[in-house]
N, C-alpha and C. Protein backbone atom coordinates (compact mmCIF):
# COMPACT_ATOMS: atom_id res chain seq x y z
N UNK A 1 0.97 -0.99 -0.48
CA UNK A 1 0.02 -0.19 0.18
C UNK A 1 1.00 1.33 -0.09
N UNK A 2 0.42 2.66 -0.67
CA UNK A 2 1.13 3.48 -0.80
C UNK A 2 0.05 4.65 -0.22
N UNK A 3 0.83 4.99 0.72
CA UNK A 3 -0.67 6.50 1.01
C UNK A 3 -0.01 7.67 0.18
N UNK A 4 -1.53 8.54 -0.02
CA UNK A 4 -1.53 9.42 -0.37
C UNK A 4 -0.50 10.69 0.11
N UNK A 5 0.60 11.11 -0.82
CA UNK A 5 1.42 11.63 0.33
C UNK A 5 0.97 13.49 -0.26
N UNK A 6 0.97 14.29 0.33
CA UNK A 6 0.93 15.73 0.38
C UNK A 6 2.45 16.51 0.70
N UNK A 7 2.89 16.99 -0.51
CA UNK A 7 4.01 17.69 -0.22
C UNK A 7 4.04 19.06 -0.33
N UNK A 8 4.40 19.56 -0.02
CA UNK A 8 5.05 21.39 -0.05
C UNK A 8 6.47 21.41 0.56
N UNK A 9 6.87 22.96 0.21
CA UNK A 9 7.86 23.32 0.79
C UNK A 9 7.77 23.26 2.24
N UNK A 10 7.15 22.70 2.85
CA UNK A 10 7.40 22.78 4.49
C UNK A 10 8.01 21.47 4.54
N UNK A 11 7.59 20.21 3.86
CA UNK A 11 7.64 18.82 3.82
C UNK A 11 6.50 17.76 3.08
N UNK A 12 6.67 17.05 4.50
CA UNK A 12 5.61 15.64 3.43
C UNK A 12 4.83 15.46 4.95
N UNK A 13 3.41 15.90 4.22
CA UNK A 13 1.83 15.14 5.14
C UNK A 13 1.74 14.15 4.44
N UNK A 14 1.27 12.56 5.26
CA UNK A 14 0.50 11.90 5.38
C UNK A 14 -0.45 10.96 5.97
N UNK A 15 -1.27 10.01 5.70
CA UNK A 15 -2.03 9.32 6.77
C UNK A 15 -1.68 7.56 6.99
N UNK A 16 -0.94 7.45 7.97
CA UNK A 16 -0.31 6.28 8.39
C UNK A 16 -1.61 5.29 8.68
N UNK A 17 -2.70 5.80 9.63
CA UNK A 17 -3.78 4.65 9.12
C UNK A 17 -4.97 5.20 9.01
N UNK A 18 -5.80 4.91 7.85
CA UNK A 18 -6.95 5.26 8.49
C UNK A 18 -8.08 3.84 8.37
N UNK A 19 -8.77 3.59 9.06
CA UNK A 19 -9.60 2.38 9.35
C UNK A 19 -10.42 1.95 7.49
N UNK A 20 -11.24 3.25 7.41
CA UNK A 20 -12.13 2.94 6.77
C UNK A 20 -11.33 2.72 5.25
N UNK A 21 -10.76 3.28 4.39
CA UNK A 21 -9.73 3.53 3.74
C UNK A 21 -9.02 2.22 3.90
N UNK A 22 -8.22 1.60 4.79
CA UNK A 22 -7.70 0.48 4.92
C UNK A 22 -8.44 -0.90 4.49
N UNK A 23 -9.60 -0.82 5.51
CA UNK A 23 -10.85 -1.75 5.26
C UNK A 23 -11.40 -1.78 3.39
N UNK A 24 -11.33 -1.37 3.00
CA UNK A 24 -11.69 -1.23 2.11
C UNK A 24 -11.13 -1.25 1.18
N UNK A 25 -9.62 -1.57 1.03
CA UNK A 25 -8.30 -1.89 0.47
C UNK A 25 -8.45 -3.01 0.63
N UNK A 26 -8.36 -3.77 2.15
CA UNK A 26 -8.08 -5.30 2.41
C UNK A 26 -9.38 -6.71 1.89
N UNK A 27 -10.51 -5.69 2.29
CA UNK A 27 -11.78 -6.22 1.82
C UNK A 27 -12.74 -6.96 3.04
N UNK A 28 -12.00 -6.29 4.30
CA UNK A 28 -12.47 -6.97 4.98
C UNK A 28 -12.38 -6.18 6.79
N UNK A 29 -13.23 -6.63 7.79
CA UNK A 29 -13.42 -5.72 8.62
C UNK A 29 -11.59 -6.22 9.16
N UNK A 30 -10.74 -5.06 10.53
CA UNK A 30 -10.10 -5.72 11.25
C UNK A 30 -9.81 -4.69 12.32
N UNK A 31 -9.28 -5.13 13.33
CA UNK A 31 -9.63 -4.50 14.48
C UNK A 31 -8.25 -4.04 15.28
N UNK A 32 -6.82 -3.28 14.84
CA UNK A 32 -5.75 -3.34 15.59
C UNK A 32 -5.97 -3.44 17.01
N UNK A 33 -5.47 -4.11 17.94
CA UNK A 33 -4.85 -3.60 19.49
C UNK A 33 -3.62 -3.13 19.65
N UNK A 34 -2.88 -3.53 18.80
CA UNK A 34 -1.30 -3.58 19.92
C UNK A 34 -1.08 -3.09 18.95
N UNK A 35 0.37 -1.58 19.26
CA UNK A 35 1.41 -0.94 18.55
C UNK A 35 2.33 -0.98 18.62
N UNK A 36 3.30 -1.70 17.55
CA UNK A 36 5.02 -2.10 18.29
C UNK A 36 5.56 -1.25 17.09
N UNK A 37 7.05 -0.78 18.18
CA UNK A 37 7.93 -0.30 17.14
C UNK A 37 9.47 -1.19 17.75
N UNK A 38 10.21 -0.98 16.62
CA UNK A 38 11.72 -1.85 16.53
C UNK A 38 12.51 -0.71 15.92
N UNK A 39 13.77 -0.31 16.86
CA UNK A 39 14.50 0.40 16.37
C UNK A 39 15.53 -0.54 16.29
N UNK A 40 16.38 -0.58 14.92
CA UNK A 40 17.57 -1.70 14.70
C UNK A 40 19.18 -1.15 14.42
N UNK A 41 20.02 -0.96 14.54
CA UNK A 41 21.27 -1.09 13.04
C UNK A 41 21.48 -1.57 12.46
N UNK A 42 22.26 -0.95 11.27
CA UNK A 42 22.30 -1.70 9.73
C UNK A 42 22.83 -2.96 10.20
N UNK A 43 22.41 -3.90 9.06
CA UNK A 43 22.04 -5.50 8.84
C UNK A 43 21.92 -6.58 10.13
N UNK A 44 21.16 -5.77 11.28
CA UNK A 44 20.39 -6.43 12.17
C UNK A 44 18.81 -7.28 11.30
N UNK A 45 18.58 -8.37 11.22
CA UNK A 45 17.57 -9.52 10.84
C UNK A 45 17.05 -9.88 12.07
N UNK A 46 15.66 -9.67 11.77
CA UNK A 46 14.76 -9.86 13.04
C UNK A 46 13.45 -11.15 12.23
N UNK A 47 13.39 -12.27 12.45
CA UNK A 47 12.59 -12.90 11.97
C UNK A 47 13.35 -14.39 11.37
N UNK A 48 12.63 -14.98 11.17
CA UNK A 48 10.91 -14.88 10.72
C UNK A 48 10.09 -15.63 11.92
N UNK A 49 9.23 -14.32 12.22
CA UNK A 49 8.45 -14.61 13.15
C UNK A 49 6.18 -14.90 13.11
N UNK A 50 6.52 -15.23 13.43
CA UNK A 50 4.15 -15.45 13.46
C UNK A 50 4.10 -16.15 15.22
N UNK A 51 2.92 -15.98 14.83
CA UNK A 51 2.19 -16.77 16.13
C UNK A 51 1.38 -18.10 15.43
N UNK A 52 0.83 -18.83 15.91
CA UNK A 52 0.19 -19.82 16.06
C UNK A 52 -1.35 -19.91 16.72
N UNK A 53 -2.39 -20.39 16.11
CA UNK A 53 -3.70 -20.63 16.33
C UNK A 53 -4.09 -19.25 16.85
N UNK A 54 -4.85 -19.92 18.02
CA UNK A 54 -5.94 -18.42 18.22
C UNK A 54 -5.54 -17.19 18.90
N UNK A 55 -3.75 -17.12 18.79
CA UNK A 55 -2.76 -16.06 18.55
C UNK A 55 -2.64 -15.24 17.56
N UNK A 56 -2.81 -16.00 16.35
CA UNK A 56 -2.02 -15.12 15.00
C UNK A 56 -2.15 -14.11 14.76
N UNK A 57 -1.19 -13.05 14.17
CA UNK A 57 -1.69 -12.36 14.05
C UNK A 57 -2.01 -11.49 12.46
N UNK A 58 -2.55 -10.71 12.29
CA UNK A 58 -2.15 -9.99 10.85
C UNK A 58 -1.41 -8.73 11.64
N UNK A 59 -0.77 -7.89 10.41
CA UNK A 59 -0.04 -7.19 10.97
C UNK A 59 0.16 -6.16 9.76
N UNK A 60 -0.14 -4.91 10.09
CA UNK A 60 0.44 -3.67 8.99
C UNK A 60 1.47 -3.08 8.93
N UNK A 61 2.48 -3.04 8.58
CA UNK A 61 4.43 -2.84 8.70
C UNK A 61 4.77 -1.46 7.91
N UNK A 62 5.53 -0.51 8.15
CA UNK A 62 5.98 0.27 7.57
C UNK A 62 7.59 0.72 8.50
N UNK A 63 7.96 1.55 7.53
CA UNK A 63 9.21 2.22 8.03
C UNK A 63 9.38 3.90 8.50
N UNK A 64 9.35 4.44 9.44
CA UNK A 64 9.41 5.50 9.36
C UNK A 64 10.90 6.38 9.33
N UNK A 65 11.63 5.27 9.64
CA UNK A 65 13.33 5.83 9.01
C UNK A 65 14.05 5.06 9.16
N UNK A 66 14.94 5.16 7.83
CA UNK A 66 15.44 4.00 7.43
C UNK A 66 15.26 3.34 5.85
N UNK A 67 15.30 1.97 6.15
CA UNK A 67 14.53 1.26 5.27
C UNK A 67 15.56 -0.39 5.24
N UNK A 68 14.21 -1.08 5.08
CA UNK A 68 14.41 -2.89 5.21
C UNK A 68 14.03 -3.02 3.87
N UNK A 69 14.72 -4.45 4.12
CA UNK A 69 14.34 -5.86 2.88
C UNK A 69 13.17 -6.26 3.56
N UNK A 70 11.99 -6.17 3.52
CA UNK A 70 10.84 -7.08 4.41
C UNK A 70 10.37 -8.07 3.81
N UNK A 71 10.20 -9.56 4.52
CA UNK A 71 10.42 -10.90 3.65
C UNK A 71 8.97 -11.42 4.64
N UNK A 72 7.88 -12.16 3.84
CA UNK A 72 6.73 -12.62 4.35
C UNK A 72 6.37 -13.95 3.85
N UNK A 73 6.61 -15.17 4.42
CA UNK A 73 6.28 -16.41 3.31
C UNK A 73 5.16 -16.72 4.34
N UNK A 74 4.60 -17.67 3.11
CA UNK A 74 3.38 -18.28 3.49
C UNK A 74 3.27 -19.78 4.12
N UNK A 75 2.84 -19.60 5.43
CA UNK A 75 3.12 -20.67 6.17
C UNK A 75 1.49 -21.46 6.46
N UNK A 76 0.41 -20.79 5.70
CA UNK A 76 -0.85 -21.79 5.72
C UNK A 76 -0.54 -22.85 4.88
N UNK A 77 -0.93 -23.80 5.50
CA UNK A 77 -0.92 -25.74 4.78
C UNK A 77 -2.19 -25.48 3.74
N UNK A 78 -3.11 -25.01 4.40
CA UNK A 78 -4.29 -25.54 2.97
C UNK A 78 -4.02 -23.95 1.41
N UNK A 79 -2.90 -23.53 1.94
CA UNK A 79 -3.39 -21.95 0.73
C UNK A 79 -2.28 -22.82 -0.77
N UNK A 80 -2.89 -22.48 -1.54
CA UNK A 80 -1.66 -21.96 -2.95
C UNK A 80 -0.35 -22.01 -2.86
N UNK A 81 -0.06 -21.20 -2.11
CA UNK A 81 0.78 -20.45 -2.27
C UNK A 81 2.04 -20.66 -0.25
N UNK A 82 1.12 -21.94 -0.09
CA UNK A 82 2.05 -22.61 1.19
C UNK A 82 3.70 -22.48 0.86
N UNK A 83 4.77 -21.98 1.14
CA UNK A 83 5.60 -22.07 1.22
C UNK A 83 6.53 -20.90 0.13
N UNK A 84 5.81 -20.11 -0.49
CA UNK A 84 6.36 -18.88 -1.23
C UNK A 84 6.78 -18.49 0.00
N UNK A 85 7.45 -17.46 -0.72
CA UNK A 85 7.80 -16.07 -0.34
C UNK A 85 7.50 -14.56 -0.73
N UNK A 86 7.18 -13.41 0.16
CA UNK A 86 7.10 -12.10 -0.88
C UNK A 86 8.44 -11.58 -0.13
N UNK A 87 8.74 -10.40 -1.13
CA UNK A 87 9.66 -9.07 -0.22
C UNK A 87 9.39 -8.04 -0.71
N UNK A 88 9.79 -7.11 -0.14
CA UNK A 88 9.64 -5.63 -0.70
C UNK A 88 10.36 -5.04 0.19
N UNK A 89 11.02 -3.56 -0.54
CA UNK A 89 11.84 -2.69 0.12
C UNK A 89 10.80 -1.49 0.57
N UNK A 90 10.88 -1.24 2.19
CA UNK A 90 10.35 -0.42 2.69
C UNK A 90 10.55 0.53 3.71
N UNK A 91 10.74 2.20 3.23
CA UNK A 91 11.39 3.01 3.82
C UNK A 91 10.65 4.19 4.18
N UNK A 92 11.57 4.48 4.30
CA UNK A 92 10.99 5.94 5.31
C UNK A 92 10.74 7.34 4.41
N UNK A 93 11.57 7.07 3.76
CA UNK A 93 11.27 7.87 1.85
C UNK A 93 10.16 7.17 1.03
N UNK A 94 9.83 6.10 1.16
CA UNK A 94 9.09 5.58 0.15
C UNK A 94 7.79 5.25 0.57
N UNK A 95 7.36 5.63 1.78
CA UNK A 95 6.57 5.54 2.92
C UNK A 95 5.67 4.51 2.00
N UNK A 96 6.11 3.18 1.24
CA UNK A 96 4.90 2.13 1.41
C UNK A 96 4.55 1.29 2.85
N UNK A 97 3.44 0.63 2.98
CA UNK A 97 2.78 -0.36 3.95
C UNK A 97 2.82 -1.09 3.45
N UNK A 98 2.86 -2.27 4.41
CA UNK A 98 2.49 -3.32 4.49
C UNK A 98 1.63 -4.37 4.72
N UNK A 99 0.68 -4.95 4.35
CA UNK A 99 -0.39 -5.64 5.29
C UNK A 99 -0.02 -7.45 4.76
N UNK A 100 0.23 -7.43 6.30
CA UNK A 100 0.79 -9.35 6.45
C UNK A 100 -0.48 -10.21 7.10
N UNK A 101 -1.63 -10.65 6.58
CA UNK A 101 -2.47 -11.07 6.69
C UNK A 101 -2.31 -12.38 8.02
N UNK A 102 -2.90 -12.83 9.03
CA UNK A 102 -2.59 -14.57 9.84
C UNK A 102 -1.79 -15.52 8.81
N UNK A 103 -1.38 -15.72 9.55
CA UNK A 103 -0.92 -17.47 8.94
C UNK A 103 0.87 -16.92 7.33
N UNK A 104 1.45 -15.75 8.13
CA UNK A 104 2.15 -15.97 7.38
C UNK A 104 3.63 -15.42 8.48
N UNK A 105 4.60 -15.97 8.03
CA UNK A 105 6.05 -15.57 9.08
C UNK A 105 6.57 -13.93 8.10
N UNK A 106 7.04 -13.50 9.05
CA UNK A 106 7.31 -12.59 8.82
C UNK A 106 8.90 -11.88 9.40
N UNK A 107 9.64 -10.75 8.29
CA UNK A 107 10.86 -10.86 8.99
C UNK A 107 11.32 -9.91 8.19
N UNK A 108 12.28 -9.35 8.59
CA UNK A 108 12.95 -7.66 7.76
C UNK A 108 14.52 -7.62 8.22
N UNK A 109 15.21 -7.28 7.00
CA UNK A 109 16.76 -6.56 7.64
C UNK A 109 17.23 -5.29 7.52
N UNK A 110 17.11 -4.92 8.19
CA UNK A 110 17.60 -3.35 8.32
C UNK A 110 19.03 -3.21 7.04
N UNK A 111 18.68 -2.43 6.12
CA UNK A 111 19.76 -2.41 5.24
C UNK A 111 19.97 -0.58 5.15
N UNK A 112 19.79 0.03 6.49
CA UNK A 112 20.45 1.29 6.43
C UNK A 112 21.31 1.66 8.11
N UNK A 113 21.68 2.57 8.15
CA UNK A 113 22.53 2.74 9.64
C UNK A 113 21.98 2.38 10.87
N UNK A 114 20.46 3.33 10.77
CA UNK A 114 19.57 3.54 11.65
C UNK A 114 18.12 2.91 11.16
N UNK A 115 17.55 2.08 11.59
CA UNK A 115 15.88 2.21 11.29
C UNK A 115 15.11 1.45 12.39
N UNK A 116 13.68 2.78 12.39
CA UNK A 116 12.59 2.33 12.79
C UNK A 116 11.45 1.90 11.85
N UNK A 117 11.14 0.57 12.77
CA UNK A 117 10.06 0.56 12.18
C UNK A 117 9.03 0.16 13.08
N UNK A 118 7.13 0.30 12.63
CA UNK A 118 6.72 0.43 13.36
C UNK A 118 5.70 -0.57 12.54
N UNK A 119 4.74 -1.41 13.45
CA UNK A 119 3.68 -1.88 13.06
C UNK A 119 2.68 -2.45 13.91
N UNK A 120 1.06 -2.51 13.37
CA UNK A 120 0.11 -2.74 14.12
C UNK A 120 -0.16 -4.19 14.08
N UNK A 121 -1.19 -5.07 15.02
CA UNK A 121 -1.34 -6.23 15.26
C UNK A 121 -2.64 -6.36 15.79
N UNK A 122 -3.51 -6.99 15.07
CA UNK A 122 -4.99 -7.51 15.83
C UNK A 122 -4.94 -8.37 16.84
N UNK A 123 -3.91 -9.01 17.11
CA UNK A 123 -4.35 -9.71 18.43
C UNK A 123 -2.99 -9.40 19.53
N UNK A 124 -2.80 -9.58 20.31
CA UNK A 124 -2.19 -9.43 21.61
C UNK A 124 -1.12 -10.54 20.97
N UNK A 125 0.18 -9.67 21.55
CA UNK A 125 1.60 -10.74 21.67
C UNK A 125 1.46 -11.77 22.45
N UNK A 126 2.02 -13.35 22.37
CA UNK A 126 1.68 -14.41 23.64
C UNK A 126 2.79 -15.05 23.00
N UNK A 127 3.81 -14.97 24.14
CA UNK A 127 5.43 -15.46 24.20
C UNK A 127 4.75 -17.21 23.62
N UNK A 128 3.83 -18.07 24.43
CA UNK A 128 4.00 -19.73 24.33
C UNK A 128 3.29 -19.69 22.65
N UNK A 129 2.71 -19.22 21.90
CA UNK A 129 2.12 -19.41 20.62
C UNK A 129 3.15 -19.32 19.49
N UNK A 130 4.80 -18.16 20.04
CA UNK A 130 5.49 -17.96 18.92
C UNK A 130 6.08 -18.77 17.77
N UNK A 131 6.26 -18.66 17.42
CA UNK A 131 7.36 -19.79 16.11
C UNK A 131 8.11 -18.77 14.98
N UNK A 132 8.35 -19.45 14.85
CA UNK A 132 9.41 -18.81 13.60
C UNK A 132 10.05 -20.10 12.75
N UNK A 133 10.58 -18.83 11.45
CA UNK A 133 11.89 -19.94 10.68
C UNK A 133 12.88 -19.61 10.42
N UNK A 134 13.82 -20.59 10.18
CA UNK A 134 15.17 -19.59 10.01
C UNK A 134 15.40 -19.25 8.78
N UNK A 135 15.95 -18.10 8.83
CA UNK A 135 16.04 -16.91 7.54
C UNK A 135 16.86 -17.65 6.46
N UNK A 136 17.57 -18.36 6.61
CA UNK A 136 18.06 -19.19 5.75
C UNK A 136 18.13 -20.27 5.20
N UNK A 137 16.89 -20.79 5.91
CA UNK A 137 15.92 -22.35 5.35
C UNK A 137 16.73 -22.41 3.56
N UNK A 138 17.20 -23.68 3.51
CA UNK A 138 17.84 -23.79 2.43
C UNK A 138 16.17 -24.40 1.37
N UNK A 139 15.15 -24.34 1.96
CA UNK A 139 13.79 -25.23 1.24
C UNK A 139 13.25 -23.61 0.14
N UNK A 140 13.33 -22.46 1.25
CA UNK A 140 12.84 -21.40 1.08
C UNK A 140 13.34 -20.65 -0.60
N UNK A 141 14.72 -20.78 0.04
CA UNK A 141 15.65 -19.76 -1.10
C UNK A 141 15.35 -18.38 -1.09
N UNK A 142 14.93 -17.94 -0.02
CA UNK A 142 14.71 -16.48 0.18
C UNK A 142 15.98 -15.92 -0.46
N UNK A 143 16.15 -14.52 -1.34
CA UNK A 143 17.50 -14.12 -1.45
C UNK A 143 17.26 -12.64 -0.51
N UNK A 144 18.00 -12.21 -0.40
CA UNK A 144 18.09 -11.45 1.14
C UNK A 144 18.93 -10.33 0.40
N UNK A 145 19.40 -10.43 -0.43
CA UNK A 145 20.42 -9.59 -1.07
C UNK A 145 21.58 -8.79 -0.50
N UNK A 146 21.70 -9.50 -0.17
CA UNK A 146 23.21 -8.98 1.11
C UNK A 146 24.00 -9.90 1.28
N UNK A 147 24.92 -9.51 1.60
CA UNK A 147 26.13 -10.55 2.19
C UNK A 147 25.88 -11.25 3.66
N UNK A 148 25.64 -12.45 3.71
CA UNK A 148 24.75 -12.97 5.23
C UNK A 148 25.82 -13.02 6.45
N UNK A 149 27.12 -12.57 5.82
CA UNK A 149 28.37 -12.82 7.06
C UNK A 149 27.63 -11.27 7.46
N UNK A 150 26.95 -10.34 7.35
CA UNK A 150 27.16 -9.28 7.50
C UNK A 150 25.80 -9.25 8.46
N UNK A 151 24.91 -10.22 8.65
CA UNK A 151 23.84 -10.43 9.33
C UNK A 151 23.81 -10.23 10.88
N UNK A 152 23.28 -9.55 11.77
CA UNK A 152 23.21 -9.72 13.04
C UNK A 152 21.69 -10.37 13.51
N UNK A 153 22.07 -10.81 14.48
CA UNK A 153 20.78 -12.02 14.65
C UNK A 153 20.39 -12.01 15.79
N UNK A 154 19.38 -12.33 16.34
CA UNK A 154 19.31 -12.78 18.29
C UNK A 154 19.88 -14.12 18.20
N UNK A 155 20.61 -14.22 19.57
CA UNK A 155 20.25 -15.42 19.82
C UNK A 155 19.15 -16.64 19.41
N UNK A 156 17.76 -15.93 19.88
CA UNK A 156 16.52 -16.88 19.39
C UNK A 156 16.37 -16.75 18.01
N UNK A 157 16.93 -16.04 17.12
CA UNK A 157 16.16 -15.92 16.37
C UNK A 157 17.61 -17.20 15.36
N UNK A 158 18.56 -17.15 15.75
CA UNK A 158 19.53 -18.27 15.06
C UNK A 158 19.05 -19.55 15.39
N UNK A 159 18.26 -20.24 16.54
CA UNK A 159 18.15 -21.11 17.03
C UNK A 159 16.65 -21.58 16.31
N UNK A 160 15.72 -20.92 15.22
CA UNK A 160 14.90 -21.05 15.07
C UNK A 160 15.02 -22.74 14.01
N UNK A 161 13.84 -22.63 13.92
CA UNK A 161 13.55 -24.07 13.30
C UNK A 161 13.59 -23.93 11.79
N UNK A 162 13.56 -25.50 11.12
CA UNK A 162 13.55 -24.91 9.33
C UNK A 162 11.93 -24.96 9.06
N UNK A 163 11.67 -24.68 7.56
CA UNK A 163 10.44 -24.41 6.97
C UNK A 163 9.98 -26.47 7.72
N UNK A 164 10.63 -27.31 6.96
CA UNK A 164 10.51 -28.57 6.90
C UNK A 164 9.70 -29.10 8.27
N UNK A 165 10.21 -28.05 9.83
CA UNK A 165 9.58 -28.53 10.83
C UNK A 165 8.10 -28.65 10.60
N UNK A 166 7.30 -27.43 9.88
CA UNK A 166 5.89 -27.13 10.10
C UNK A 166 5.53 -28.58 9.46
N UNK A 167 6.11 -28.93 8.79
CA UNK A 167 5.23 -30.21 8.03
C UNK A 167 5.02 -31.40 8.78
N UNK A 168 6.00 -31.37 10.29
CA UNK A 168 5.67 -32.67 11.17
C UNK A 168 4.65 -32.41 11.97
């Protein structure tokens, strides 16, 4: 999604969220209950994360400062795109937003020196329902576009299972 930008000699104004326009775009009603923000230095990779069951979350994500390579993997076993991924660059300059439906694993790589990543969730975080997929799973063949030896991951993200574990 790309919001309408209003630019003049002072700068830029745009709506980061407008419920009725957003719901018209996605074709359904949604109730966001939690807003989150992460701040990352260059080469931080967060993900690929998702929540299972009744705690699954839809998200609306965007970058308010900096730039990321954002990646979404379909983990819905009944979906015709199960196991496929989508990627897009989100930045404070391009103002793009990405809606991520429930049943998708999500991650991003901060590619600028300093990045502020924002997201809205339609369900509360539930630690026991969180899981994920290792970012470099060979069966997914995600092209992260940058040298992997530069990536900075949390200890938790380094230990995420591979995609094939979803099928077990």
